[in-house]
Amino acid sequence: MTSPAMNEQRQEPVRIDVGFDFECLTACEAFGGGWAFTKHWQGLGDLLGHRPGWHFDIVNDGEAMWSIGAFGASRMKITLNQDGSYHCHDHDEDSDADFGELAEVEAWLVPREERKRIPA
């Protein structure tokens, strides 16, 4: 059992699990840039929601993101930039890429995706 002082020192990330349905879009409105980006989040949901290992989360100080990794890990993530473009980050390679179209996002993730499902 931890003491209250220990809990104050260790800040747990905030994580809100949501299903890919209306709650997801409500979460995106609150944490993902507002209703102006709804079509972007819906597009990502259509692209990633059925793919094994991908999950949608709200983390840290309210960052909405799609990520892939075994047991809820985030080895690769996709978020939105302020201009509505897609920001892709590969944690293993410590690399970033920005794209304006979902087809570009898919072309970026396909060669990386399978190995991200395996625990690091």
PDB file of N, CA and C in Angstrom:
ATOM      1  N   MET A   1       0.848  -1.185   0.000  1.00  0.00           N
ATOM      2  CA  MET A   1       0.000   0.000   0.000  1.00  0.00           C
ATOM      3  C   MET A   1       0.885   1.236   0.000  1.00  0.00           C
ATOM      4  N   THR A   2       0.528   2.219  -0.795  1.00  0.00           N
ATOM      5  CA  THR A   2       1.336   3.427  -0.876  1.00  0.00           C
ATOM      6  C   THR A   2       0.748   4.507   0.009  1.00  0.00           C
ATOM      7  N   SER A   3       1.618   5.363   0.487  1.00  0.00           N
ATOM      8  CA  SER A   3       1.161   6.462   1.334  1.00  0.00           C
ATOM      9  C   SER A   3       0.618   7.575   0.459  1.00  0.00           C
ATOM     10  N   PRO A   4      -0.213   8.474   1.017  1.00  0.00           N
ATOM     11  CA  PRO A   4      -0.719   9.598   0.224  1.00  0.00           C
ATOM     12  C   PRO A   4       0.411  10.456  -0.328  1.00  0.00           C
ATOM     13  N   ALA A   5       1.508  10.589   0.415  1.00  0.00           N
ATOM     14  CA  ALA A   5       2.631  11.395  -0.064  1.00  0.00           C
ATOM     15  C   ALA A   5       3.238  10.780  -1.320  1.00  0.00           C
ATOM     16  N   MET A   6       3.335   9.444  -1.370  1.00  0.00           N
ATOM     17  CA  MET A   6       3.877   8.783  -2.553  1.00  0.00           C
ATOM     18  C   MET A   6       2.972   9.002  -3.746  1.00  0.00           C
ATOM     19  N   ASN A   7       1.658   8.965  -3.531  1.00  0.00           N
ATOM     20  CA  ASN A   7       0.716   9.176  -4.630  1.00  0.00           C
ATOM     21  C   ASN A   7       0.829  10.590  -5.195  1.00  0.00           C
ATOM     22  N   GLU A   8       1.130  11.570  -4.346  1.00  0.00           N
ATOM     23  CA  GLU A   8       1.275  12.939  -4.815  1.00  0.00           C
ATOM     24  C   GLU A   8       2.517  13.097  -5.682  1.00  0.00           C
ATOM     25  N   GLN A   9       3.561  12.325  -5.408  1.00  0.00           N
ATOM     26  CA  GLN A   9       4.798  12.426  -6.157  1.00  0.00           C
ATOM     27  C   GLN A   9       4.682  11.762  -7.525  1.00  0.00           C
ATOM     28  N   ARG A  10       3.969  10.684  -7.600  1.00  0.00           N
ATOM     29  CA  ARG A  10       3.854   9.929  -8.845  1.00  0.00           C
ATOM     30  C   ARG A  10       2.558  10.310  -9.534  1.00  0.00           C
ATOM     31  N   GLN A  11       2.675  10.944 -10.676  1.00  0.00           N
ATOM     32  CA  GLN A  11       1.484  11.355 -11.413  1.00  0.00           C
ATOM     33  C   GLN A  11       1.169  10.316 -12.467  1.00  0.00           C
ATOM     34  N   GLU A  12       0.044   9.658 -12.316  1.00  0.00           N
ATOM     35  CA  GLU A  12      -0.414   8.665 -13.284  1.00  0.00           C
ATOM     36  C   GLU A  12      -0.973   9.384 -14.504  1.00  0.00           C
ATOM     37  N   PRO A  13      -0.730   8.846 -15.710  1.00  0.00           N
ATOM     38  CA  PRO A  13      -1.358   9.457 -16.880  1.00  0.00           C
ATOM     39  C   PRO A  13      -2.870   9.290 -16.813  1.00  0.00           C
ATOM     40  N   VAL A  14      -3.562  10.286 -17.292  1.00  0.00           N
ATOM     41  CA  VAL A  14      -5.013  10.219 -17.346  1.00  0.00           C
ATOM     42  C   VAL A  14      -5.383   9.414 -18.578  1.00  0.00           C
ATOM     43  N   ARG A  15      -6.201   8.401 -18.414  1.00  0.00           N
ATOM     44  CA  ARG A  15      -6.611   7.572 -19.539  1.00  0.00           C
ATOM     45  C   ARG A  15      -8.111   7.338 -19.436  1.00  0.00           C
ATOM     46  N   ILE A  16      -8.784   7.648 -20.505  1.00  0.00           N
ATOM     47  CA  ILE A  16     -10.228   7.448 -20.568  1.00  0.00           C
ATOM     48  C   ILE A  16     -10.487   6.472 -21.695  1.00  0.00           C
ATOM     49  N   ASP A  17     -10.956   5.285 -21.384  1.00  0.00           N
ATOM     50  CA  ASP A  17     -11.272   4.306 -22.413  1.00  0.00           C
ATOM     51  C   ASP A  17     -12.624   4.635 -23.008  1.00  0.00           C
ATOM     52  N   VAL A  18     -12.674   4.659 -24.322  1.00  0.00           N
ATOM     53  CA  VAL A  18     -13.936   4.894 -25.018  1.00  0.00           C
ATOM     54  C   VAL A  18     -14.049   3.908 -26.154  1.00  0.00           C
ATOM     55  N   GLY A  19     -15.266   3.535 -26.471  1.00  0.00           N
ATOM     56  CA  GLY A  19     -15.495   2.687 -27.625  1.00  0.00           C
ATOM     57  C   GLY A  19     -15.554   3.556 -28.866  1.00  0.00           C
ATOM     58  N   PHE A  20     -15.387   2.946 -30.044  1.00  0.00           N
ATOM     59  CA  PHE A  20     -15.485   3.730 -31.263  1.00  0.00           C
ATOM     60  C   PHE A  20     -16.954   3.874 -31.630  1.00  0.00           C
ATOM     61  N   ASP A  21     -17.562   4.863 -31.050  1.00  0.00           N
ATOM     62  CA  ASP A  21     -18.955   5.190 -31.308  1.00  0.00           C
ATOM     63  C   ASP A  21     -19.140   6.659 -30.957  1.00  0.00           C
ATOM     64  N   PHE A  22     -20.329   7.059 -30.590  1.00  0.00           N
ATOM     65  CA  PHE A  22     -20.591   8.464 -30.307  1.00  0.00           C
ATOM     66  C   PHE A  22     -19.701   8.994 -29.190  1.00  0.00           C
ATOM     67  N   GLU A  23     -19.408   8.174 -28.166  1.00  0.00           N
ATOM     68  CA  GLU A  23     -18.563   8.632 -27.075  1.00  0.00           C
ATOM     69  C   GLU A  23     -17.179   9.022 -27.589  1.00  0.00           C
ATOM     70  N   CYS A  24     -16.668   8.287 -28.555  1.00  0.00           N
ATOM     71  CA  CYS A  24     -15.366   8.611 -29.137  1.00  0.00           C
ATOM     72  C   CYS A  24     -15.413   9.998 -29.759  1.00  0.00           C
ATOM     73  N   LEU A  25     -16.449  10.296 -30.499  1.00  0.00           N
ATOM     74  CA  LEU A  25     -16.543  11.605 -31.132  1.00  0.00           C
ATOM     75  C   LEU A  25     -16.737  12.706 -30.103  1.00  0.00           C
ATOM     76  N   THR A  26     -17.437  12.416 -29.036  1.00  0.00           N
ATOM     77  CA  THR A  26     -17.585  13.391 -27.957  1.00  0.00           C
ATOM     78  C   THR A  26     -16.237  13.649 -27.309  1.00  0.00           C
ATOM     79  N   ALA A  27     -15.464  12.596 -27.092  1.00  0.00           N
ATOM     80  CA  ALA A  27     -14.117  12.753 -26.538  1.00  0.00           C
ATOM     81  C   ALA A  27     -13.246  13.562 -27.493  1.00  0.00           C
ATOM     82  N   CYS A  28     -13.381  13.327 -28.786  1.00  0.00           N
ATOM     83  CA  CYS A  28     -12.596  14.079 -29.775  1.00  0.00           C
ATOM     84  C   CYS A  28     -12.967  15.554 -29.764  1.00  0.00           C
ATOM     85  N   GLU A  29     -14.249  15.847 -29.548  1.00  0.00           N
ATOM     86  CA  GLU A  29     -14.654  17.245 -29.474  1.00  0.00           C
ATOM     87  C   GLU A  29     -13.969  17.922 -28.292  1.00  0.00           C
ATOM     88  N   ALA A  30     -13.955  17.243 -27.157  1.00  0.00           N
ATOM     89  CA  ALA A  30     -13.386  17.833 -25.949  1.00  0.00           C
ATOM     90  C   ALA A  30     -11.862  17.870 -25.971  1.00  0.00           C
ATOM     91  N   PHE A  31     -11.231  16.832 -26.520  1.00  0.00           N
ATOM     92  CA  PHE A  31      -9.780  16.710 -26.404  1.00  0.00           C
ATOM     93  C   PHE A  31      -9.045  16.688 -27.743  1.00  0.00           C
ATOM     94  N   GLY A  32      -9.754  16.587 -28.837  1.00  0.00           N
ATOM     95  CA  GLY A  32      -9.104  16.419 -30.127  1.00  0.00           C
ATOM     96  C   GLY A  32      -9.249  17.585 -31.080  1.00  0.00           C
ATOM     97  N   GLY A  33      -9.517  18.769 -30.563  1.00  0.00           N
ATOM     98  CA  GLY A  33      -9.565  19.943 -31.426  1.00  0.00           C
ATOM     99  C   GLY A  33     -10.950  20.469 -31.734  1.00  0.00           C
ATOM    100  N   GLY A  34     -11.983  19.846 -31.194  1.00  0.00           N
ATOM    101  CA  GLY A  34     -13.342  20.330 -31.414  1.00  0.00           C
ATOM    102  C   GLY A  34     -14.009  19.697 -32.623  1.00  0.00           C
ATOM    103  N   TRP A  35     -15.253  20.121 -32.864  1.00  0.00           N
ATOM    104  CA  TRP A  35     -16.052  19.539 -33.939  1.00  0.00           C
ATOM    105  C   TRP A  35     -15.458  19.802 -35.319  1.00  0.00           C
ATOM    106  N   ALA A  36     -14.614  20.815 -35.435  1.00  0.00           N
ATOM    107  CA  ALA A  36     -13.995  21.098 -36.738  1.00  0.00           C
ATOM    108  C   ALA A  36     -13.162  19.926 -37.232  1.00  0.00           C
ATOM    109  N   PHE A  37     -12.702  19.076 -36.308  1.00  0.00           N
ATOM    110  CA  PHE A  37     -11.860  17.944 -36.674  1.00  0.00           C
ATOM    111  C   PHE A  37     -12.590  16.606 -36.636  1.00  0.00           C
ATOM    112  N   THR A  38     -13.900  16.640 -36.503  1.00  0.00           N
ATOM    113  CA  THR A  38     -14.671  15.398 -36.425  1.00  0.00           C
ATOM    114  C   THR A  38     -14.417  14.496 -37.624  1.00  0.00           C
ATOM    115  N   LYS A  39     -14.425  15.050 -38.829  1.00  0.00           N
ATOM    116  CA  LYS A  39     -14.227  14.218 -40.021  1.00  0.00           C
ATOM    117  C   LYS A  39     -12.836  13.579 -40.014  1.00  0.00           C
ATOM    118  N   HIS A  40     -11.852  14.257 -39.459  1.00  0.00           N
ATOM    119  CA  HIS A  40     -10.504  13.696 -39.374  1.00  0.00           C
ATOM    120  C   HIS A  40     -10.473  12.499 -38.413  1.00  0.00           C
ATOM    121  N   TRP A  41     -11.115  12.669 -37.243  1.00  0.00           N
ATOM    122  CA  TRP A  41     -11.150  11.570 -36.265  1.00  0.00           C
ATOM    123  C   TRP A  41     -11.981  10.410 -36.790  1.00  0.00           C
ATOM    124  N   GLN A  42     -13.086  10.711 -37.477  1.00  0.00           N
ATOM    125  CA  GLN A  42     -13.887   9.643 -38.073  1.00  0.00           C
ATOM    126  C   GLN A  42     -13.077   8.889 -39.121  1.00  0.00           C
ATOM    127  N   GLY A  43     -12.325   9.609 -39.910  1.00  0.00           N
ATOM    128  CA  GLY A  43     -11.478   8.975 -40.919  1.00  0.00           C
ATOM    129  C   GLY A  43     -10.438   8.057 -40.293  1.00  0.00           C
ATOM    130  N   LEU A  44      -9.806   8.528 -39.215  1.00  0.00           N
ATOM    131  CA  LEU A  44      -8.841   7.674 -38.517  1.00  0.00           C
ATOM    132  C   LEU A  44      -9.527   6.452 -37.920  1.00  0.00           C
ATOM    133  N   GLY A  45     -10.712   6.646 -37.368  1.00  0.00           N
ATOM    134  CA  GLY A  45     -11.462   5.513 -36.816  1.00  0.00           C
ATOM    135  C   GLY A  45     -11.797   4.492 -37.886  1.00  0.00           C
ATOM    136  N   ASP A  46     -12.205   4.963 -39.058  1.00  0.00           N
ATOM    137  CA  ASP A  46     -12.507   4.056 -40.164  1.00  0.00           C
ATOM    138  C   ASP A  46     -11.257   3.313 -40.621  1.00  0.00           C
ATOM    139  N   LEU A  47     -10.115   4.007 -40.607  1.00  0.00           N
ATOM    140  CA  LEU A  47      -8.856   3.412 -41.050  1.00  0.00           C
ATOM    141  C   LEU A  47      -8.290   2.430 -40.026  1.00  0.00           C
ATOM    142  N   LEU A  48      -8.396   2.761 -38.732  1.00  0.00           N
ATOM    143  CA  LEU A  48      -7.677   2.005 -37.704  1.00  0.00           C
ATOM    144  C   LEU A  48      -8.547   1.151 -36.793  1.00  0.00           C
ATOM    145  N   GLY A  49      -9.815   1.494 -36.657  1.00  0.00           N
ATOM    146  CA  GLY A  49     -10.674   0.840 -35.676  1.00  0.00           C
ATOM    147  C   GLY A  49     -10.797  -0.661 -35.816  1.00  0.00           C
ATOM    148  N   HIS A  50     -10.688  -1.182 -37.010  1.00  0.00           N
ATOM    149  CA  HIS A  50     -10.842  -2.626 -37.239  1.00  0.00           C
ATOM    150  C   HIS A  50      -9.502  -3.356 -37.293  1.00  0.00           C
ATOM    151  N   ARG A  51      -8.402  -2.618 -37.217  1.00  0.00           N
ATOM    152  CA  ARG A  51      -7.080  -3.229 -37.337  1.00  0.00           C
ATOM    153  C   ARG A  51      -6.606  -3.708 -35.973  1.00  0.00           C
ATOM    154  N   PRO A  52      -6.110  -4.936 -35.874  1.00  0.00           N
ATOM    155  CA  PRO A  52      -5.660  -5.472 -34.587  1.00  0.00           C
ATOM    156  C   PRO A  52      -4.561  -4.622 -33.960  1.00  0.00           C
ATOM    157  N   GLY A  53      -4.695  -4.391 -32.673  1.00  0.00           N
ATOM    158  CA  GLY A  53      -3.675  -3.685 -31.912  1.00  0.00           C
ATOM    159  C   GLY A  53      -3.867  -2.191 -31.786  1.00  0.00           C
ATOM    160  N   TRP A  54      -4.701  -1.604 -32.643  1.00  0.00           N
ATOM    161  CA  TRP A  54      -4.919  -0.159 -32.574  1.00  0.00           C
ATOM    162  C   TRP A  54      -5.950   0.165 -31.509  1.00  0.00           C
ATOM    163  N   HIS A  55      -5.740   1.253 -30.778  1.00  0.00           N
ATOM    164  CA  HIS A  55      -6.694   1.695 -29.765  1.00  0.00           C
ATOM    165  C   HIS A  55      -6.695   3.211 -29.688  1.00  0.00           C
ATOM    166  N   PHE A  56      -7.832   3.753 -29.327  1.00  0.00           N
ATOM    167  CA  PHE A  56      -8.011   5.197 -29.176  1.00  0.00           C
ATOM    168  C   PHE A  56      -7.965   5.520 -27.694  1.00  0.00           C
ATOM    169  N   ASP A  57      -7.201   6.534 -27.335  1.00  0.00           N
ATOM    170  CA  ASP A  57      -7.063   6.916 -25.924  1.00  0.00           C
ATOM    171  C   ASP A  57      -7.022   8.432 -25.784  1.00  0.00           C
ATOM    172  N   ILE A  58      -7.375   8.879 -24.591  1.00  0.00           N
ATOM    173  CA  ILE A  58      -7.117  10.245 -24.155  1.00  0.00           C
ATOM    174  C   ILE A  58      -6.079  10.091 -23.054  1.00  0.00           C
ATOM    175  N   VAL A  59      -4.905  10.688 -23.220  1.00  0.00           N
ATOM    176  CA  VAL A  59      -3.797  10.490 -22.286  1.00  0.00           C
ATOM    177  C   VAL A  59      -3.260  11.818 -21.764  1.00  0.00           C
ATOM    178  N   ASN A  60      -2.468  11.706 -20.723  1.00  0.00           N
ATOM    179  CA  ASN A  60      -1.735  12.822 -20.128  1.00  0.00           C
ATOM    180  C   ASN A  60      -2.637  14.009 -19.838  1.00  0.00           C
ATOM    181  N   ASP A  61      -2.394  15.133 -20.437  1.00  0.00           N
ATOM    182  CA  ASP A  61      -3.186  16.332 -20.163  1.00  0.00           C
ATOM    183  C   ASP A  61      -4.321  16.522 -21.147  1.00  0.00           C
ATOM    184  N   GLY A  62      -4.834  15.422 -21.684  1.00  0.00           N
ATOM    185  CA  GLY A  62      -5.965  15.495 -22.595  1.00  0.00           C
ATOM    186  C   GLY A  62      -5.594  15.386 -24.054  1.00  0.00           C
ATOM    187  N   GLU A  63      -4.591  14.602 -24.358  1.00  0.00           N
ATOM    188  CA  GLU A  63      -4.192  14.388 -25.749  1.00  0.00           C
ATOM    189  C   GLU A  63      -4.972  13.213 -26.326  1.00  0.00           C
ATOM    190  N   ALA A  64      -5.720  13.471 -27.387  1.00  0.00           N
ATOM    191  CA  ALA A  64      -6.443  12.403 -28.083  1.00  0.00           C
ATOM    192  C   ALA A  64      -5.491  11.772 -29.083  1.00  0.00           C
ATOM    193  N   MET A  65      -5.494  10.438 -29.137  1.00  0.00           N
ATOM    194  CA  MET A  65      -4.597   9.776 -30.088  1.00  0.00           C
ATOM    195  C   MET A  65      -5.045   8.356 -30.367  1.00  0.00           C
ATOM    196  N   TRP A  66      -4.681   7.895 -31.546  1.00  0.00           N
ATOM    197  CA  TRP A  66      -4.763   6.492 -31.905  1.00  0.00           C
ATOM    198  C   TRP A  66      -3.356   5.944 -31.769  1.00  0.00           C
ATOM    199  N   SER A  67      -3.207   4.776 -31.153  1.00  0.00           N
ATOM    200  CA  SER A  67      -1.884   4.177 -31.046  1.00  0.00           C
ATOM    201  C   SER A  67      -1.981   2.665 -31.167  1.00  0.00           C
ATOM    202  N   ILE A  68      -0.826   2.072 -31.398  1.00  0.00           N
ATOM    203  CA  ILE A  68      -0.736   0.624 -31.527  1.00  0.00           C
ATOM    204  C   ILE A  68       0.368   0.122 -30.615  1.00  0.00           C
ATOM    205  N   GLY A  69       0.109  -1.025 -30.025  1.00  0.00           N
ATOM    206  CA  GLY A  69       1.077  -1.678 -29.157  1.00  0.00           C
ATOM    207  C   GLY A  69       0.372  -2.710 -28.306  1.00  0.00           C
ATOM    208  N   ALA A  70       1.067  -3.774 -28.013  1.00  0.00           N
ATOM    209  CA  ALA A  70       0.497  -4.848 -27.204  1.00  0.00           C
ATOM    210  C   ALA A  70       0.202  -4.353 -25.789  1.00  0.00           C
ATOM    211  N   PHE A  71      -0.883  -4.833 -25.230  1.00  0.00           N
ATOM    212  CA  PHE A  71      -1.281  -4.550 -23.848  1.00  0.00           C
ATOM    213  C   PHE A  71      -1.437  -3.055 -23.588  1.00  0.00           C
ATOM    214  N   GLY A  72      -1.920  -2.315 -24.566  1.00  0.00           N
ATOM    215  CA  GLY A  72      -2.185  -0.885 -24.399  1.00  0.00           C
ATOM    216  C   GLY A  72      -0.982   0.013 -24.579  1.00  0.00           C
ATOM    217  N   ALA A  73       0.147  -0.545 -24.973  1.00  0.00           N
ATOM    218  CA  ALA A  73       1.339   0.268 -25.197  1.00  0.00           C
ATOM    219  C   ALA A  73       1.142   1.180 -26.404  1.00  0.00           C
ATOM    220  N   SER A  74       1.969   2.192 -26.491  1.00  0.00           N
ATOM    221  CA  SER A  74       1.913   3.116 -27.616  1.00  0.00           C
ATOM    222  C   SER A  74       3.274   3.134 -28.302  1.00  0.00           C
ATOM    223  N   ARG A  75       3.475   2.191 -29.207  1.00  0.00           N
ATOM    224  CA  ARG A  75       4.744   2.113 -29.933  1.00  0.00           C
ATOM    225  C   ARG A  75       4.738   2.995 -31.175  1.00  0.00           C
ATOM    226  N   MET A  76       3.543   3.322 -31.614  1.00  0.00           N
ATOM    227  CA  MET A  76       3.367   4.210 -32.753  1.00  0.00           C
ATOM    228  C   MET A  76       2.037   4.923 -32.531  1.00  0.00           C
ATOM    229  N   LYS A  77       1.994   6.237 -32.778  1.00  0.00           N
ATOM    230  CA  LYS A  77       0.742   6.958 -32.537  1.00  0.00           C
ATOM    231  C   LYS A  77       0.446   7.931 -33.662  1.00  0.00           C
ATOM    232  N   ILE A  78      -0.841   8.239 -33.761  1.00  0.00           N
ATOM    233  CA  ILE A  78      -1.310   9.203 -34.747  1.00  0.00           C
ATOM    234  C   ILE A  78      -2.218  10.190 -34.027  1.00  0.00           C
ATOM    235  N   THR A  79      -1.902  11.470 -34.174  1.00  0.00           N
ATOM    236  CA  THR A  79      -2.686  12.555 -33.595  1.00  0.00           C
ATOM    237  C   THR A  79      -2.979  13.562 -34.700  1.00  0.00           C
ATOM    238  N   LEU A  80      -3.653  14.636 -34.338  1.00  0.00           N
ATOM    239  CA  LEU A  80      -3.921  15.704 -35.296  1.00  0.00           C
ATOM    240  C   LEU A  80      -3.131  16.950 -34.934  1.00  0.00           C
ATOM    241  N   ASN A  81      -2.618  17.622 -35.953  1.00  0.00           N
ATOM    242  CA  ASN A  81      -1.990  18.925 -35.768  1.00  0.00           C
ATOM    243  C   ASN A  81      -3.072  19.998 -35.727  1.00  0.00           C
ATOM    244  N   GLN A  82      -2.694  21.197 -35.331  1.00  0.00           N
ATOM    245  CA  GLN A  82      -3.631  22.325 -35.249  1.00  0.00           C
ATOM    246  C   GLN A  82      -4.297  22.645 -36.590  1.00  0.00           C
ATOM    247  N   ASP A  83      -3.623  22.331 -37.689  1.00  0.00           N
ATOM    248  CA  ASP A  83      -4.192  22.628 -39.005  1.00  0.00           C
ATOM    249  C   ASP A  83      -5.028  21.471 -39.564  1.00  0.00           C
ATOM    250  N   GLY A  84      -5.191  20.391 -38.771  1.00  0.00           N
ATOM    251  CA  GLY A  84      -5.991  19.254 -39.220  1.00  0.00           C
ATOM    252  C   GLY A  84      -5.197  18.196 -39.955  1.00  0.00           C
ATOM    253  N   SER A  85      -3.905  18.417 -40.147  1.00  0.00           N
ATOM    254  CA  SER A  85      -3.079  17.373 -40.764  1.00  0.00           C
ATOM    255  C   SER A  85      -2.794  16.287 -39.726  1.00  0.00           C
ATOM    256  N   TYR A  86      -2.380  15.146 -40.196  1.00  0.00           N
ATOM    257  CA  TYR A  86      -2.146  13.985 -39.342  1.00  0.00           C
ATOM    258  C   TYR A  86      -0.677  13.939 -38.928  1.00  0.00           C
ATOM    259  N   HIS A  87      -0.446  13.824 -37.630  1.00  0.00           N
ATOM    260  CA  HIS A  87       0.918  13.713 -37.104  1.00  0.00           C
ATOM    261  C   HIS A  87       1.148  12.266 -36.690  1.00  0.00           C
ATOM    262  N   CYS A  88       2.150  11.640 -37.280  1.00  0.00           N
ATOM    263  CA  CYS A  88       2.475  10.241 -37.012  1.00  0.00           C
ATOM    264  C   CYS A  88       3.826  10.171 -36.314  1.00  0.00           C
ATOM    265  N   HIS A  89       3.889   9.401 -35.249  1.00  0.00           N
ATOM    266  CA  HIS A  89       5.140   9.251 -34.501  1.00  0.00           C
ATOM    267  C   HIS A  89       5.424   7.777 -34.279  1.00  0.00           C
ATOM    268  N   ASP A  90       6.628   7.364 -34.635  1.00  0.00           N
ATOM    269  CA  ASP A  90       7.098   6.003 -34.392  1.00  0.00           C
ATOM    270  C   ASP A  90       8.057   6.069 -33.211  1.00  0.00           C
ATOM    271  N   HIS A  91       7.622   5.553 -32.059  1.00  0.00           N
ATOM    272  CA  HIS A  91       8.433   5.622 -30.838  1.00  0.00           C
ATOM    273  C   HIS A  91       9.721   4.824 -30.963  1.00  0.00           C
ATOM    274  N   ASP A  92       9.669   3.671 -31.596  1.00  0.00           N
ATOM    275  CA  ASP A  92      10.858   2.828 -31.709  1.00  0.00           C
ATOM    276  C   ASP A  92      11.943   3.494 -32.550  1.00  0.00           C
ATOM    277  N   GLU A  93      11.538   4.165 -33.609  1.00  0.00           N
ATOM    278  CA  GLU A  93      12.495   4.839 -34.492  1.00  0.00           C
ATOM    279  C   GLU A  93      12.745   6.286 -34.072  1.00  0.00           C
ATOM    280  N   ASP A  94      11.939   6.785 -33.123  1.00  0.00           N
ATOM    281  CA  ASP A  94      11.964   8.180 -32.704  1.00  0.00           C
ATOM    282  C   ASP A  94      11.893   9.096 -33.928  1.00  0.00           C
ATOM    283  N   SER A  95      10.905   8.818 -34.769  1.00  0.00           N
ATOM    284  CA  SER A  95      10.725   9.593 -35.993  1.00  0.00           C
ATOM    285  C   SER A  95       9.303  10.118 -36.088  1.00  0.00           C
ATOM    286  N   ASP A  96       9.144  11.232 -36.775  1.00  0.00           N
ATOM    287  CA  ASP A  96       7.858  11.886 -36.959  1.00  0.00           C
ATOM    288  C   ASP A  96       7.608  12.143 -38.438  1.00  0.00           C
ATOM    289  N   ALA A  97       6.334  12.162 -38.794  1.00  0.00           N
ATOM    290  CA  ALA A  97       5.932  12.503 -40.150  1.00  0.00           C
ATOM    291  C   ALA A  97       4.550  13.158 -40.088  1.00  0.00           C
ATOM    292  N   ASP A  98       4.320  14.117 -40.950  1.00  0.00           N
ATOM    293  CA  ASP A  98       3.034  14.797 -41.033  1.00  0.00           C
ATOM    294  C   ASP A  98       2.464  14.619 -42.435  1.00  0.00           C
ATOM    295  N   PHE A  99       1.152  14.356 -42.489  1.00  0.00           N
ATOM    296  CA  PHE A  99       0.489  14.096 -43.760  1.00  0.00           C
ATOM    297  C   PHE A  99      -0.849  14.814 -43.804  1.00  0.00           C
ATOM    298  N   GLY A 100      -1.250  15.192 -45.006  1.00  0.00           N
ATOM    299  CA  GLY A 100      -2.531  15.853 -45.192  1.00  0.00           C
ATOM    300  C   GLY A 100      -3.667  14.913 -45.533  1.00  0.00           C
ATOM    301  N   GLU A 101      -3.339  13.707 -45.983  1.00  0.00           N
ATOM    302  CA  GLU A 101      -4.355  12.761 -46.445  1.00  0.00           C
ATOM    303  C   GLU A 101      -4.230  11.415 -45.730  1.00  0.00           C
ATOM    304  N   LEU A 102      -5.370  10.764 -45.520  1.00  0.00           N
ATOM    305  CA  LEU A 102      -5.371   9.448 -44.877  1.00  0.00           C
ATOM    306  C   LEU A 102      -4.624   8.397 -45.694  1.00  0.00           C
ATOM    307  N   ALA A 103      -4.664   8.491 -46.995  1.00  0.00           N
ATOM    308  CA  ALA A 103      -3.939   7.530 -47.828  1.00  0.00           C
ATOM    309  C   ALA A 103      -2.440   7.607 -47.550  1.00  0.00           C
ATOM    310  N   GLU A 104      -1.931   8.810 -47.278  1.00  0.00           N
ATOM    311  CA  GLU A 104      -0.515   8.976 -46.939  1.00  0.00           C
ATOM    312  C   GLU A 104      -0.216   8.374 -45.566  1.00  0.00           C
ATOM    313  N   VAL A 105      -1.145   8.554 -44.631  1.00  0.00           N
ATOM    314  CA  VAL A 105      -0.989   7.968 -43.294  1.00  0.00           C
ATOM    315  C   VAL A 105      -0.915   6.446 -43.413  1.00  0.00           C
ATOM    316  N   GLU A 106      -1.824   5.864 -44.185  1.00  0.00           N
ATOM    317  CA  GLU A 106      -1.837   4.415 -44.345  1.00  0.00           C
ATOM    318  C   GLU A 106      -0.552   3.917 -45.005  1.00  0.00           C
ATOM    319  N   ALA A 107      -0.062   4.615 -45.999  1.00  0.00           N
ATOM    320  CA  ALA A 107       1.187   4.216 -46.652  1.00  0.00           C
ATOM    321  C   ALA A 107       2.354   4.264 -45.666  1.00  0.00           C
ATOM    322  N   TRP A 108       2.330   5.204 -44.722  1.00  0.00           N
ATOM    323  CA  TRP A 108       3.375   5.317 -43.708  1.00  0.00           C
ATOM    324  C   TRP A 108       3.291   4.183 -42.692  1.00  0.00           C
ATOM    325  N   LEU A 109       2.067   3.846 -42.267  1.00  0.00           N
ATOM    326  CA  LEU A 109       1.940   2.875 -41.178  1.00  0.00           C
ATOM    327  C   LEU A 109       2.046   1.420 -41.615  1.00  0.00           C
ATOM    328  N   VAL A 110       1.646   1.093 -42.833  1.00  0.00           N
ATOM    329  CA  VAL A 110       1.612  -0.305 -43.277  1.00  0.00           C
ATOM    330  C   VAL A 110       2.949  -1.031 -43.101  1.00  0.00           C
ATOM    331  N   PRO A 111       4.078  -0.463 -43.526  1.00  0.00           N
ATOM    332  CA  PRO A 111       5.330  -1.217 -43.355  1.00  0.00           C
ATOM    333  C   PRO A 111       5.788  -1.341 -41.904  1.00  0.00           C
ATOM    334  N   ARG A 112       5.255  -0.548 -41.005  1.00  0.00           N
ATOM    335  CA  ARG A 112       5.656  -0.556 -39.601  1.00  0.00           C
ATOM    336  C   ARG A 112       4.697  -1.331 -38.698  1.00  0.00           C
ATOM    337  N   GLU A 113       3.449  -1.419 -39.116  1.00  0.00           N
ATOM    338  CA  GLU A 113       2.345  -1.850 -38.268  1.00  0.00           C
ATOM    339  C   GLU A 113       2.517  -3.240 -37.655  1.00  0.00           C
ATOM    340  N   GLU A 114       2.883  -4.220 -38.427  1.00  0.00           N
ATOM    341  CA  GLU A 114       2.928  -5.606 -37.931  1.00  0.00           C
ATOM    342  C   GLU A 114       3.898  -5.759 -36.762  1.00  0.00           C
ATOM    343  N   ARG A 115       5.072  -5.174 -36.854  1.00  0.00           N
ATOM    344  CA  ARG A 115       6.062  -5.337 -35.779  1.00  0.00           C
ATOM    345  C   ARG A 115       5.667  -4.572 -34.518  1.00  0.00           C
ATOM    346  N   LYS A 116       4.771  -3.610 -34.626  1.00  0.00           N
ATOM    347  CA  LYS A 116       4.322  -2.847 -33.450  1.00  0.00           C
ATOM    348  C   LYS A 116       3.352  -3.660 -32.593  1.00  0.00           C
ATOM    349  N   ARG A 117       2.758  -4.691 -33.157  1.00  0.00           N
ATOM    350  CA  ARG A 117       1.831  -5.540 -32.392  1.00  0.00           C
ATOM    351  C   ARG A 117       2.581  -6.469 -31.436  1.00  0.00           C
ATOM    352  N   ILE A 118       3.851  -6.693 -31.687  1.00  0.00           N
ATOM    353  CA  ILE A 118       4.662  -7.604 -30.888  1.00  0.00           C
ATOM    354  C   ILE A 118       5.223  -6.831 -29.690  1.00  0.00           C
ATOM    355  N   PRO A 119       5.118  -7.362 -28.483  1.00  0.00           N
ATOM    356  CA  PRO A 119       5.676  -6.636 -27.331  1.00  0.00           C
ATOM    357  C   PRO A 119       7.166  -6.322 -27.518  1.00  0.00           C
ATOM    358  N   ALA A 120       7.533  -5.110 -27.149  1.00  0.00           N
ATOM    359  CA  ALA A 120       8.941  -4.673 -27.301  1.00  0.00           C
ATOM    360  C   ALA A 120       9.832  -5.316 -26.254  1.00  0.00           C
TER     361      ALA A 120
END
